[in-house]
Amino acid sequence: MPVALPVSDRTDVDVVRDVLAGAHADFEILVRRHNQRLFRAARSVSKSDQDAEDVLQQTWLNVFKNLASFRGDAAFTTWATRIAVHEAIAHARKRPIIAEVKDNMSTGEQPDDVVDRAQLGKILEQCLEQLPQGNREVMVLRDVLELDTAETAACLGLSEEAVRVRLHRARATIAAQLAEQMTAESRLLYSFDGARCDRITSAVMGSIMASR
């Protein structure tokens, strides 16, 4: 009988294969491994953390339901992120869109050079929230999740040229000084701590195991 590989040595493809073979509890490995990434993708479209959590939970249920359709042509993360983005868009369309205008976004003021990381992160988050939704999704996938142009295009159903155009517009909208900080600082946005990860994982696995 073959010895099971440690979790850290099992690729996503290994885990998917085992889950499809009946080891449904192993789906938790995928959930915990990619919760942060999918939350950020969902949050880029959603209007609040709570909406993003709702989207994330439904995304994982959709991923499990459609796991057999994962062929490995793209990375599992790309495939799952595409599902998260589509679910978030569908969720957002069910809610009325409320335009929020913030005074500090129209003043043209730039953050002080000595602003600390927490303040800068908050300013960046506010700037992202002001971007048109299509441009915001592209910027989060490219600059926060660090997907390449091809992966972003696949996730959003866009051409690579459309991704490049939207990303250029999004970056131009945000002040040049902030844009210079984006690569390093934006990874701090939309944090997903251990307790929230545990809650989502528990809910997803409870639904999956109860349905078997």
N, C-alpha and C. Protein backbone atom coordinates (compact mmCIF):
# COMPACT_ATOMS: atom_id res chain seq x y z
N MET A 1 0.85 -1.19 0.00
CA MET A 1 0.00 0.00 0.00
C MET A 1 0.89 1.25 0.00
N PRO A 2 0.71 2.15 -0.98
CA PRO A 2 1.58 3.33 -1.06
C PRO A 2 1.42 4.23 0.15
N VAL A 3 2.54 4.83 0.55
CA VAL A 3 2.51 5.76 1.68
C VAL A 3 2.03 7.12 1.20
N ALA A 4 1.08 7.72 1.91
CA ALA A 4 0.55 9.02 1.52
C ALA A 4 1.62 10.09 1.64
N LEU A 5 1.68 10.96 0.66
CA LEU A 5 2.64 12.06 0.69
C LEU A 5 2.23 13.08 1.73
N PRO A 6 3.21 13.76 2.35
CA PRO A 6 2.86 14.88 3.24
C PRO A 6 2.09 15.94 2.45
N VAL A 7 1.22 16.67 3.14
CA VAL A 7 0.41 17.68 2.47
C VAL A 7 1.26 18.64 1.66
N SER A 8 2.39 19.06 2.23
CA SER A 8 3.23 20.05 1.56
C SER A 8 3.83 19.53 0.25
N ASP A 9 3.92 18.20 0.11
CA ASP A 9 4.49 17.60 -1.10
C ASP A 9 3.45 17.25 -2.14
N ARG A 10 2.19 17.41 -1.81
CA ARG A 10 1.11 17.05 -2.73
C ARG A 10 0.74 18.28 -3.56
N THR A 11 0.79 18.15 -4.85
CA THR A 11 0.40 19.25 -5.72
C THR A 11 -1.12 19.36 -5.74
N ASP A 12 -1.60 20.48 -6.26
CA ASP A 12 -3.05 20.64 -6.40
C ASP A 12 -3.64 19.52 -7.25
N VAL A 13 -2.93 19.14 -8.29
CA VAL A 13 -3.41 18.06 -9.16
C VAL A 13 -3.51 16.75 -8.39
N ASP A 14 -2.53 16.48 -7.52
CA ASP A 14 -2.58 15.28 -6.68
C ASP A 14 -3.83 15.28 -5.81
N VAL A 15 -4.08 16.41 -5.18
CA VAL A 15 -5.22 16.51 -4.26
C VAL A 15 -6.53 16.38 -5.03
N VAL A 16 -6.63 17.04 -6.16
CA VAL A 16 -7.85 16.94 -6.98
C VAL A 16 -8.12 15.49 -7.36
N ARG A 17 -7.07 14.80 -7.78
CA ARG A 17 -7.21 13.39 -8.16
C ARG A 17 -7.73 12.55 -6.99
N ASP A 18 -7.18 12.79 -5.80
CA ASP A 18 -7.58 12.01 -4.63
C ASP A 18 -9.02 12.32 -4.22
N VAL A 19 -9.41 13.60 -4.29
CA VAL A 19 -10.78 13.98 -3.95
C VAL A 19 -11.76 13.32 -4.92
N LEU A 20 -11.43 13.34 -6.19
CA LEU A 20 -12.31 12.72 -7.19
C LEU A 20 -12.38 11.20 -7.00
N ALA A 21 -11.32 10.63 -6.40
CA ALA A 21 -11.30 9.19 -6.15
C ALA A 21 -12.08 8.81 -4.89
N GLY A 22 -12.58 9.82 -4.18
CA GLY A 22 -13.40 9.55 -3.01
C GLY A 22 -12.90 10.11 -1.70
N ALA A 23 -11.70 10.67 -1.69
CA ALA A 23 -11.16 11.25 -0.46
C ALA A 23 -11.67 12.68 -0.30
N HIS A 24 -12.97 12.81 -0.06
CA HIS A 24 -13.60 14.13 -0.05
C HIS A 24 -13.05 15.04 1.05
N ALA A 25 -12.63 14.44 2.16
CA ALA A 25 -12.09 15.26 3.25
C ALA A 25 -10.82 16.00 2.83
N ASP A 26 -10.13 15.47 1.83
CA ASP A 26 -8.90 16.11 1.37
C ASP A 26 -9.17 17.43 0.64
N PHE A 27 -10.42 17.69 0.31
CA PHE A 27 -10.76 18.96 -0.33
C PHE A 27 -10.37 20.12 0.58
N GLU A 28 -10.34 19.86 1.89
CA GLU A 28 -9.95 20.91 2.85
C GLU A 28 -8.54 21.43 2.56
N ILE A 29 -7.67 20.58 2.01
CA ILE A 29 -6.32 21.02 1.68
C ILE A 29 -6.37 22.14 0.65
N LEU A 30 -7.20 21.97 -0.36
CA LEU A 30 -7.32 23.00 -1.40
C LEU A 30 -7.93 24.27 -0.84
N VAL A 31 -8.94 24.11 0.02
CA VAL A 31 -9.61 25.28 0.59
C VAL A 31 -8.62 26.11 1.40
N ARG A 32 -7.90 25.46 2.29
CA ARG A 32 -6.95 26.19 3.12
C ARG A 32 -5.78 26.75 2.30
N ARG A 33 -5.36 26.02 1.32
CA ARG A 33 -4.21 26.43 0.51
C ARG A 33 -4.51 27.69 -0.30
N HIS A 34 -5.77 27.84 -0.75
CA HIS A 34 -6.08 28.92 -1.69
C HIS A 34 -7.16 29.90 -1.20
N ASN A 35 -7.55 29.79 0.07
CA ASN A 35 -8.56 30.70 0.62
C ASN A 35 -8.15 32.17 0.45
N GLN A 36 -6.92 32.49 0.77
CA GLN A 36 -6.46 33.88 0.71
C GLN A 36 -6.58 34.44 -0.70
N ARG A 37 -6.10 33.69 -1.66
CA ARG A 37 -6.11 34.15 -3.04
C ARG A 37 -7.54 34.35 -3.56
N LEU A 38 -8.41 33.38 -3.29
CA LEU A 38 -9.78 33.49 -3.80
C LEU A 38 -10.57 34.58 -3.08
N PHE A 39 -10.27 34.78 -1.79
CA PHE A 39 -10.93 35.87 -1.08
C PHE A 39 -10.57 37.20 -1.71
N ARG A 40 -9.31 37.40 -2.01
CA ARG A 40 -8.88 38.65 -2.63
C ARG A 40 -9.55 38.84 -4.00
N ALA A 41 -9.65 37.77 -4.75
CA ALA A 41 -10.31 37.86 -6.06
C ALA A 41 -11.77 38.25 -5.88
N ALA A 42 -12.46 37.60 -4.93
CA ALA A 42 -13.86 37.91 -4.68
C ALA A 42 -14.02 39.33 -4.16
N ARG A 43 -13.10 39.74 -3.28
CA ARG A 43 -13.20 41.08 -2.69
C ARG A 43 -12.97 42.19 -3.71
N SER A 44 -12.23 41.88 -4.78
CA SER A 44 -11.98 42.89 -5.82
C SER A 44 -13.26 43.28 -6.53
N VAL A 45 -14.25 42.41 -6.51
CA VAL A 45 -15.53 42.67 -7.16
C VAL A 45 -16.60 43.07 -6.15
N SER A 46 -16.56 42.47 -4.96
CA SER A 46 -17.58 42.68 -3.95
C SER A 46 -17.44 44.03 -3.27
N LYS A 47 -18.54 44.52 -2.69
CA LYS A 47 -18.56 45.82 -2.04
C LYS A 47 -18.17 45.77 -0.57
N SER A 48 -18.09 44.58 0.01
CA SER A 48 -17.76 44.48 1.42
C SER A 48 -17.09 43.14 1.70
N ASP A 49 -16.44 43.06 2.87
CA ASP A 49 -15.84 41.80 3.28
C ASP A 49 -16.89 40.71 3.43
N GLN A 50 -18.06 41.06 3.98
CA GLN A 50 -19.10 40.06 4.19
C GLN A 50 -19.58 39.50 2.86
N ASP A 51 -19.80 40.37 1.87
CA ASP A 51 -20.20 39.89 0.54
C ASP A 51 -19.12 38.96 -0.02
N ALA A 52 -17.86 39.35 0.16
CA ALA A 52 -16.77 38.53 -0.36
C ALA A 52 -16.71 37.17 0.32
N GLU A 53 -16.99 37.12 1.61
CA GLU A 53 -17.02 35.84 2.32
C GLU A 53 -18.14 34.96 1.80
N ASP A 54 -19.32 35.56 1.56
CA ASP A 54 -20.44 34.80 1.00
C ASP A 54 -20.07 34.23 -0.36
N VAL A 55 -19.44 35.07 -1.17
CA VAL A 55 -19.00 34.64 -2.50
C VAL A 55 -17.97 33.53 -2.39
N LEU A 56 -17.03 33.68 -1.46
CA LEU A 56 -15.97 32.68 -1.29
C LEU A 56 -16.54 31.32 -0.93
N GLN A 57 -17.48 31.31 0.00
CA GLN A 57 -18.07 30.03 0.41
C GLN A 57 -18.78 29.37 -0.77
N GLN A 58 -19.57 30.14 -1.52
CA GLN A 58 -20.27 29.58 -2.67
C GLN A 58 -19.29 29.15 -3.75
N THR A 59 -18.19 29.90 -3.89
CA THR A 59 -17.17 29.54 -4.88
C THR A 59 -16.61 28.16 -4.60
N TRP A 60 -16.26 27.89 -3.34
CA TRP A 60 -15.69 26.59 -3.02
C TRP A 60 -16.69 25.46 -3.25
N LEU A 61 -17.96 25.72 -2.97
CA LEU A 61 -18.98 24.70 -3.25
C LEU A 61 -19.09 24.46 -4.75
N ASN A 62 -19.00 25.54 -5.53
CA ASN A 62 -19.03 25.40 -6.99
C ASN A 62 -17.79 24.66 -7.50
N VAL A 63 -16.64 24.96 -6.89
CA VAL A 63 -15.41 24.27 -7.28
C VAL A 63 -15.55 22.77 -7.02
N PHE A 64 -16.04 22.41 -5.85
CA PHE A 64 -16.20 20.99 -5.52
C PHE A 64 -17.18 20.32 -6.48
N LYS A 65 -18.28 20.98 -6.74
CA LYS A 65 -19.32 20.42 -7.61
C LYS A 65 -18.78 20.17 -9.02
N ASN A 66 -17.89 21.04 -9.48
CA ASN A 66 -17.39 20.97 -10.85
C ASN A 66 -15.96 20.45 -10.94
N LEU A 67 -15.48 19.84 -9.87
CA LEU A 67 -14.08 19.43 -9.82
C LEU A 67 -13.70 18.48 -10.96
N ALA A 68 -14.63 17.65 -11.35
CA ALA A 68 -14.33 16.69 -12.42
C ALA A 68 -14.05 17.37 -13.75
N SER A 69 -14.50 18.61 -13.89
CA SER A 69 -14.27 19.33 -15.15
C SER A 69 -12.90 20.00 -15.20
N PHE A 70 -12.17 19.97 -14.09
CA PHE A 70 -10.82 20.53 -14.08
C PHE A 70 -9.90 19.57 -14.81
N ARG A 71 -9.35 20.03 -15.95
CA ARG A 71 -8.54 19.18 -16.81
C ARG A 71 -7.05 19.40 -16.64
N GLY A 72 -6.68 20.42 -15.90
CA GLY A 72 -5.27 20.68 -15.72
C GLY A 72 -4.63 21.44 -16.85
N ASP A 73 -5.44 21.95 -17.80
CA ASP A 73 -4.89 22.75 -18.89
C ASP A 73 -4.30 24.05 -18.36
N ALA A 74 -4.92 24.61 -17.33
CA ALA A 74 -4.39 25.78 -16.63
C ALA A 74 -4.14 25.38 -15.18
N ALA A 75 -3.43 26.22 -14.45
CA ALA A 75 -3.20 25.92 -13.04
C ALA A 75 -4.53 25.89 -12.29
N PHE A 76 -4.59 25.07 -11.24
CA PHE A 76 -5.82 24.99 -10.45
C PHE A 76 -6.20 26.36 -9.92
N THR A 77 -5.20 27.15 -9.50
CA THR A 77 -5.50 28.48 -8.96
C THR A 77 -6.16 29.37 -9.99
N THR A 78 -5.71 29.30 -11.24
CA THR A 78 -6.33 30.10 -12.30
C THR A 78 -7.77 29.65 -12.53
N TRP A 79 -7.97 28.36 -12.58
CA TRP A 79 -9.30 27.80 -12.80
C TRP A 79 -10.25 28.20 -11.66
N ALA A 80 -9.79 28.06 -10.41
CA ALA A 80 -10.62 28.39 -9.26
C ALA A 80 -10.86 29.89 -9.15
N THR A 81 -9.84 30.69 -9.48
CA THR A 81 -10.00 32.15 -9.44
C THR A 81 -11.05 32.59 -10.45
N ARG A 82 -11.07 31.98 -11.61
CA ARG A 82 -12.08 32.31 -12.62
C ARG A 82 -13.48 32.06 -12.06
N ILE A 83 -13.65 30.96 -11.36
CA ILE A 83 -14.95 30.64 -10.76
C ILE A 83 -15.30 31.68 -9.70
N ALA A 84 -14.32 32.09 -8.90
CA ALA A 84 -14.55 33.09 -7.85
C ALA A 84 -14.98 34.42 -8.45
N VAL A 85 -14.30 34.85 -9.49
CA VAL A 85 -14.63 36.13 -10.12
C VAL A 85 -16.03 36.09 -10.72
N HIS A 86 -16.35 35.02 -11.41
CA HIS A 86 -17.68 34.90 -12.02
C HIS A 86 -18.78 34.88 -10.96
N GLU A 87 -18.53 34.17 -9.86
CA GLU A 87 -19.50 34.12 -8.77
C GLU A 87 -19.67 35.50 -8.14
N ALA A 88 -18.56 36.23 -7.97
CA ALA A 88 -18.63 37.57 -7.38
C ALA A 88 -19.39 38.53 -8.28
N ILE A 89 -19.17 38.44 -9.58
CA ILE A 89 -19.89 39.30 -10.52
C ILE A 89 -21.38 39.00 -10.47
N ALA A 90 -21.72 37.72 -10.45
CA ALA A 90 -23.14 37.33 -10.39
C ALA A 90 -23.77 37.82 -9.10
N HIS A 91 -23.03 37.72 -8.00
CA HIS A 91 -23.53 38.17 -6.70
C HIS A 91 -23.73 39.68 -6.70
N ALA A 92 -22.76 40.41 -7.28
CA ALA A 92 -22.84 41.88 -7.31
C ALA A 92 -24.04 42.35 -8.13
N ARG A 93 -24.36 41.63 -9.18
CA ARG A 93 -25.47 42.03 -10.05
C ARG A 93 -26.83 41.89 -9.36
N LYS A 94 -26.86 41.11 -8.30
CA LYS A 94 -28.11 40.93 -7.56
C LYS A 94 -28.38 42.08 -6.59
N ARG A 95 -27.35 42.90 -6.37
CA ARG A 95 -27.47 44.00 -5.40
C ARG A 95 -27.50 45.33 -6.13
N PRO A 96 -28.25 46.31 -5.60
CA PRO A 96 -28.24 47.63 -6.24
C PRO A 96 -26.87 48.26 -6.13
N ILE A 97 -26.46 48.94 -7.17
CA ILE A 97 -25.17 49.61 -7.18
C ILE A 97 -25.33 51.02 -6.63
N ILE A 98 -24.61 51.35 -5.58
CA ILE A 98 -24.68 52.67 -4.95
C ILE A 98 -23.36 53.38 -5.19
N ALA A 99 -23.42 54.51 -5.86
CA ALA A 99 -22.20 55.27 -6.13
C ALA A 99 -21.79 56.01 -4.86
N GLU A 100 -20.54 55.83 -4.47
CA GLU A 100 -20.02 56.50 -3.28
C GLU A 100 -18.95 57.49 -3.71
N VAL A 101 -19.14 58.75 -3.35
CA VAL A 101 -18.18 59.79 -3.69
C VAL A 101 -17.50 60.25 -2.41
N LYS A 102 -16.20 60.11 -2.37
CA LYS A 102 -15.45 60.49 -1.18
C LYS A 102 -14.74 61.80 -1.43
N ASP A 103 -14.90 62.76 -0.50
CA ASP A 103 -14.31 64.09 -0.68
C ASP A 103 -12.81 64.04 -0.87
N ASN A 104 -12.15 63.12 -0.12
CA ASN A 104 -10.70 63.12 -0.19
C ASN A 104 -10.18 62.59 -1.51
N MET A 105 -11.04 61.99 -2.32
CA MET A 105 -10.60 61.50 -3.62
C MET A 105 -10.66 62.59 -4.67
N SER A 106 -11.33 63.70 -4.38
CA SER A 106 -11.47 64.76 -5.37
C SER A 106 -10.59 65.96 -5.07
N THR A 107 -9.84 65.89 -3.99
CA THR A 107 -9.01 67.03 -3.61
C THR A 107 -7.68 67.07 -4.36
N GLY A 108 -7.29 65.91 -4.89
CA GLY A 108 -6.00 65.85 -5.57
C GLY A 108 -4.82 65.79 -4.62
N GLU A 109 -5.09 65.64 -3.32
CA GLU A 109 -4.01 65.61 -2.35
C GLU A 109 -3.29 64.26 -2.41
N GLN A 110 -1.98 64.31 -2.23
CA GLN A 110 -1.17 63.09 -2.21
C GLN A 110 -0.83 62.75 -0.77
N PRO A 111 -0.65 61.46 -0.44
CA PRO A 111 -0.28 61.09 0.92
C PRO A 111 1.10 61.62 1.27
N ASP A 112 1.31 61.95 2.52
CA ASP A 112 2.61 62.44 2.97
C ASP A 112 3.67 61.35 2.82
N ASP A 113 4.87 61.78 2.52
CA ASP A 113 5.96 60.82 2.31
C ASP A 113 6.21 59.95 3.52
N VAL A 114 5.84 60.44 4.71
CA VAL A 114 6.15 59.70 5.92
C VAL A 114 4.96 58.90 6.43
N VAL A 115 3.91 58.78 5.63
CA VAL A 115 2.75 58.00 6.06
C VAL A 115 3.16 56.56 6.29
N ASP A 116 2.65 55.94 7.36
CA ASP A 116 3.08 54.57 7.65
C ASP A 116 2.35 53.57 6.77
N ARG A 117 2.76 52.32 6.86
CA ARG A 117 2.25 51.29 5.97
C ARG A 117 0.74 51.08 6.14
N ALA A 118 0.25 51.14 7.36
CA ALA A 118 -1.18 50.94 7.59
C ALA A 118 -2.00 52.03 6.92
N GLN A 119 -1.55 53.27 7.06
CA GLN A 119 -2.26 54.38 6.44
C GLN A 119 -2.21 54.30 4.92
N LEU A 120 -1.05 53.96 4.41
CA LEU A 120 -0.90 53.85 2.96
C LEU A 120 -1.78 52.72 2.41
N GLY A 121 -1.82 51.60 3.14
CA GLY A 121 -2.67 50.50 2.71
C GLY A 121 -4.13 50.90 2.65
N LYS A 122 -4.56 51.68 3.65
CA LYS A 122 -5.95 52.14 3.66
C LYS A 122 -6.23 53.07 2.49
N ILE A 123 -5.29 53.96 2.19
CA ILE A 123 -5.47 54.87 1.07
C ILE A 123 -5.55 54.09 -0.24
N LEU A 124 -4.69 53.10 -0.39
CA LEU A 124 -4.71 52.28 -1.60
C LEU A 124 -6.05 51.55 -1.74
N GLU A 125 -6.54 51.03 -0.63
CA GLU A 125 -7.82 50.33 -0.66
C GLU A 125 -8.93 51.28 -1.09
N GLN A 126 -8.92 52.50 -0.56
CA GLN A 126 -9.93 53.48 -0.94
C GLN A 126 -9.83 53.82 -2.43
N CYS A 127 -8.61 53.94 -2.92
CA CYS A 127 -8.43 54.24 -4.35
C CYS A 127 -8.97 53.11 -5.21
N LEU A 128 -8.70 51.89 -4.82
CA LEU A 128 -9.20 50.75 -5.59
C LEU A 128 -10.72 50.74 -5.61
N GLU A 129 -11.34 51.08 -4.47
CA GLU A 129 -12.79 51.08 -4.40
C GLU A 129 -13.40 52.11 -5.34
N GLN A 130 -12.66 53.16 -5.69
CA GLN A 130 -13.17 54.20 -6.55
C GLN A 130 -13.03 53.88 -8.04
N LEU A 131 -12.26 52.85 -8.36
CA LEU A 131 -12.09 52.50 -9.77
C LEU A 131 -13.37 51.87 -10.32
N PRO A 132 -13.66 52.07 -11.61
CA PRO A 132 -14.78 51.36 -12.23
C PRO A 132 -14.57 49.86 -12.04
N GLN A 133 -15.66 49.13 -11.86
CA GLN A 133 -15.55 47.72 -11.47
C GLN A 133 -14.68 46.91 -12.43
N GLY A 134 -14.85 47.05 -13.74
CA GLY A 134 -14.04 46.27 -14.67
C GLY A 134 -12.57 46.53 -14.54
N ASN A 135 -12.20 47.78 -14.32
CA ASN A 135 -10.79 48.13 -14.16
C ASN A 135 -10.25 47.65 -12.82
N ARG A 136 -11.09 47.73 -11.78
CA ARG A 136 -10.66 47.30 -10.46
C ARG A 136 -10.33 45.80 -10.45
N GLU A 137 -11.18 45.00 -11.09
CA GLU A 137 -10.95 43.56 -11.13
C GLU A 137 -9.59 43.26 -11.77
N VAL A 138 -9.32 43.93 -12.89
CA VAL A 138 -8.06 43.70 -13.59
C VAL A 138 -6.88 44.09 -12.70
N MET A 139 -6.96 45.24 -12.04
CA MET A 139 -5.84 45.69 -11.22
C MET A 139 -5.60 44.76 -10.04
N VAL A 140 -6.65 44.30 -9.39
CA VAL A 140 -6.47 43.39 -8.26
C VAL A 140 -5.85 42.07 -8.72
N LEU A 141 -6.35 41.52 -9.81
CA LEU A 141 -5.81 40.25 -10.29
C LEU A 141 -4.35 40.40 -10.72
N ARG A 142 -4.02 41.52 -11.33
CA ARG A 142 -2.65 41.70 -11.81
C ARG A 142 -1.70 42.17 -10.71
N ASP A 143 -2.09 43.19 -9.95
CA ASP A 143 -1.16 43.81 -9.01
C ASP A 143 -1.24 43.26 -7.59
N VAL A 144 -2.40 42.75 -7.19
CA VAL A 144 -2.54 42.19 -5.85
C VAL A 144 -2.28 40.69 -5.86
N LEU A 145 -2.97 39.96 -6.74
CA LEU A 145 -2.79 38.52 -6.82
C LEU A 145 -1.59 38.13 -7.68
N GLU A 146 -1.07 39.08 -8.44
CA GLU A 146 0.11 38.89 -9.29
C GLU A 146 -0.09 37.84 -10.37
N LEU A 147 -1.32 37.75 -10.90
CA LEU A 147 -1.55 36.92 -12.07
C LEU A 147 -0.91 37.59 -13.28
N ASP A 148 -0.50 36.81 -14.26
CA ASP A 148 0.03 37.43 -15.47
C ASP A 148 -1.13 37.82 -16.39
N THR A 149 -0.81 38.47 -17.50
CA THR A 149 -1.85 38.99 -18.39
C THR A 149 -2.73 37.87 -18.92
N ALA A 150 -2.12 36.76 -19.30
CA ALA A 150 -2.89 35.65 -19.86
C ALA A 150 -3.84 35.05 -18.83
N GLU A 151 -3.37 34.88 -17.58
CA GLU A 151 -4.22 34.33 -16.53
C GLU A 151 -5.38 35.27 -16.23
N THR A 152 -5.09 36.57 -16.17
CA THR A 152 -6.14 37.55 -15.89
C THR A 152 -7.18 37.55 -17.00
N ALA A 153 -6.73 37.48 -18.23
CA ALA A 153 -7.65 37.43 -19.36
C ALA A 153 -8.54 36.20 -19.28
N ALA A 154 -7.95 35.06 -18.90
CA ALA A 154 -8.73 33.83 -18.79
C ALA A 154 -9.76 33.92 -17.67
N CYS A 155 -9.37 34.52 -16.55
CA CYS A 155 -10.28 34.64 -15.41
C CYS A 155 -11.48 35.53 -15.72
N LEU A 156 -11.24 36.60 -16.48
CA LEU A 156 -12.30 37.58 -16.72
C LEU A 156 -12.97 37.43 -18.08
N GLY A 157 -12.51 36.49 -18.88
CA GLY A 157 -13.10 36.31 -20.19
C GLY A 157 -12.82 37.47 -21.12
N LEU A 158 -11.63 38.06 -21.00
CA LEU A 158 -11.23 39.21 -21.82
C LEU A 158 -10.07 38.81 -22.72
N SER A 159 -9.81 39.63 -23.72
CA SER A 159 -8.60 39.46 -24.51
C SER A 159 -7.43 40.01 -23.72
N GLU A 160 -6.23 39.57 -24.05
CA GLU A 160 -5.05 40.08 -23.35
C GLU A 160 -4.88 41.57 -23.60
N GLU A 161 -5.24 42.04 -24.79
CA GLU A 161 -5.14 43.47 -25.09
C GLU A 161 -6.10 44.27 -24.21
N ALA A 162 -7.33 43.74 -24.00
CA ALA A 162 -8.29 44.42 -23.13
C ALA A 162 -7.78 44.50 -21.70
N VAL A 163 -7.11 43.44 -21.26
CA VAL A 163 -6.52 43.45 -19.91
C VAL A 163 -5.47 44.54 -19.81
N ARG A 164 -4.62 44.64 -20.81
CA ARG A 164 -3.57 45.65 -20.79
C ARG A 164 -4.14 47.07 -20.79
N VAL A 165 -5.19 47.28 -21.57
CA VAL A 165 -5.81 48.61 -21.65
C VAL A 165 -6.45 48.97 -20.31
N ARG A 166 -7.20 48.04 -19.73
CA ARG A 166 -7.87 48.32 -18.46
C ARG A 166 -6.86 48.54 -17.34
N LEU A 167 -5.80 47.77 -17.34
CA LEU A 167 -4.79 47.94 -16.31
C LEU A 167 -4.13 49.31 -16.44
N HIS A 168 -3.84 49.72 -17.66
CA HIS A 168 -3.24 51.04 -17.87
C HIS A 168 -4.16 52.14 -17.37
N ARG A 169 -5.45 52.02 -17.66
CA ARG A 169 -6.41 53.04 -17.22
C ARG A 169 -6.52 53.06 -15.71
N ALA A 170 -6.54 51.88 -15.11
CA ALA A 170 -6.66 51.81 -13.65
C ALA A 170 -5.46 52.45 -12.97
N ARG A 171 -4.28 52.13 -13.46
CA ARG A 171 -3.08 52.69 -12.86
C ARG A 171 -3.01 54.20 -13.05
N ALA A 172 -3.48 54.65 -14.21
CA ALA A 172 -3.45 56.09 -14.48
C ALA A 172 -4.41 56.84 -13.59
N THR A 173 -5.53 56.20 -13.23
CA THR A 173 -6.52 56.84 -12.38
C THR A 173 -5.97 57.09 -10.99
N ILE A 174 -5.24 56.13 -10.50
CA ILE A 174 -4.61 56.29 -9.18
C ILE A 174 -3.39 57.19 -9.32
N ALA A 175 -3.20 58.06 -8.40
CA ALA A 175 -2.08 59.02 -8.46
C ALA A 175 -0.76 58.30 -8.66
N ALA A 176 0.14 58.93 -9.42
CA ALA A 176 1.42 58.33 -9.76
C ALA A 176 2.20 57.92 -8.51
N GLN A 177 2.13 58.71 -7.49
CA GLN A 177 2.88 58.40 -6.27
C GLN A 177 2.38 57.11 -5.65
N LEU A 178 1.04 56.92 -5.66
CA LEU A 178 0.48 55.69 -5.11
C LEU A 178 0.80 54.51 -6.00
N ALA A 179 0.77 54.72 -7.31
CA ALA A 179 1.04 53.63 -8.23
C ALA A 179 2.42 53.04 -8.01
N GLU A 180 3.38 53.91 -7.64
CA GLU A 180 4.74 53.43 -7.39
C GLU A 180 4.79 52.50 -6.18
N GLN A 181 3.86 52.71 -5.23
CA GLN A 181 3.84 51.91 -4.02
C GLN A 181 3.00 50.64 -4.18
N MET A 182 2.22 50.54 -5.25
CA MET A 182 1.21 49.50 -5.35
C MET A 182 1.78 48.09 -5.27
N THR A 183 2.84 47.80 -6.01
CA THR A 183 3.35 46.43 -6.06
C THR A 183 3.70 45.91 -4.67
N ALA A 184 4.39 46.74 -3.87
CA ALA A 184 4.81 46.30 -2.54
C ALA A 184 3.69 46.33 -1.52
N GLU A 185 2.83 47.37 -1.59
CA GLU A 185 1.86 47.59 -0.52
C GLU A 185 0.53 46.89 -0.74
N SER A 186 0.13 46.66 -1.98
CA SER A 186 -1.21 46.16 -2.22
C SER A 186 -1.40 44.72 -1.75
N ARG A 187 -0.30 43.97 -1.54
CA ARG A 187 -0.44 42.60 -1.05
C ARG A 187 -1.00 42.57 0.38
N LEU A 188 -0.97 43.74 1.05
CA LEU A 188 -1.49 43.81 2.42
C LEU A 188 -3.00 43.98 2.43
N LEU A 189 -3.61 44.27 1.28
CA LEU A 189 -5.04 44.54 1.24
C LEU A 189 -5.85 43.25 1.35
N TYR A 190 -7.07 43.40 1.82
CA TYR A 190 -8.01 42.29 1.88
C TYR A 190 -7.42 41.10 2.65
N SER A 191 -6.91 41.36 3.84
CA SER A 191 -6.32 40.29 4.62
C SER A 191 -7.37 39.26 4.99
N PHE A 192 -6.91 38.03 5.15
CA PHE A 192 -7.83 36.92 5.44
C PHE A 192 -7.20 36.10 6.54
N ASP A 193 -7.55 36.40 7.79
CA ASP A 193 -6.83 35.83 8.91
C ASP A 193 -7.25 34.39 9.20
N GLY A 194 -6.56 33.77 10.15
CA GLY A 194 -6.79 32.36 10.45
C GLY A 194 -8.20 32.05 10.88
N ALA A 195 -8.81 32.89 11.71
CA ALA A 195 -10.16 32.63 12.20
C ALA A 195 -11.17 32.64 11.05
N ARG A 196 -11.03 33.60 10.14
CA ARG A 196 -11.95 33.67 9.01
C ARG A 196 -11.73 32.48 8.08
N CYS A 197 -10.47 32.11 7.89
CA CYS A 197 -10.16 30.94 7.07
C CYS A 197 -10.80 29.69 7.67
N ASP A 198 -10.68 29.53 8.99
CA ASP A 198 -11.27 28.39 9.67
C ASP A 198 -12.79 28.37 9.50
N ARG A 199 -13.43 29.54 9.62
CA ARG A 199 -14.88 29.62 9.51
C ARG A 199 -15.36 29.21 8.12
N ILE A 200 -14.72 29.74 7.09
CA ILE A 200 -15.10 29.41 5.72
C ILE A 200 -14.84 27.94 5.43
N THR A 201 -13.66 27.46 5.85
CA THR A 201 -13.31 26.06 5.62
C THR A 201 -14.31 25.13 6.29
N SER A 202 -14.67 25.43 7.53
CA SER A 202 -15.62 24.60 8.27
C SER A 202 -16.99 24.57 7.58
N ALA A 203 -17.45 25.72 7.12
CA ALA A 203 -18.75 25.79 6.46
C ALA A 203 -18.75 25.02 5.15
N VAL A 204 -17.68 25.20 4.37
CA VAL A 204 -17.59 24.50 3.08
C VAL A 204 -17.53 23.00 3.29
N MET A 205 -16.63 22.54 4.16
CA MET A 205 -16.48 21.10 4.37
C MET A 205 -17.71 20.49 5.00
N GLY A 206 -18.41 21.25 5.88
CA GLY A 206 -19.66 20.75 6.47
C GLY A 206 -20.71 20.49 5.41
N SER A 207 -20.82 21.42 4.46
CA SER A 207 -21.80 21.26 3.38
C SER A 207 -21.45 20.08 2.48
N ILE A 208 -20.15 19.96 2.18
CA ILE A 208 -19.71 18.88 1.29
C ILE A 208 -19.92 17.52 1.92
N MET A 209 -19.46 17.35 3.17
CA MET A 209 -19.55 16.05 3.82
C MET A 209 -20.99 15.67 4.12
N ALA A 210 -21.86 16.66 4.38
CA ALA A 210 -23.27 16.38 4.67
C ALA A 210 -24.01 15.91 3.42
N SER A 211 -23.49 16.27 2.26
CA SER A 211 -24.17 15.93 1.00
C SER A 211 -23.76 14.58 0.46
N ARG A 212 -22.72 13.97 1.08
CA ARG A 212 -22.24 12.71 0.54
C ARG A 212 -23.12 11.55 0.97
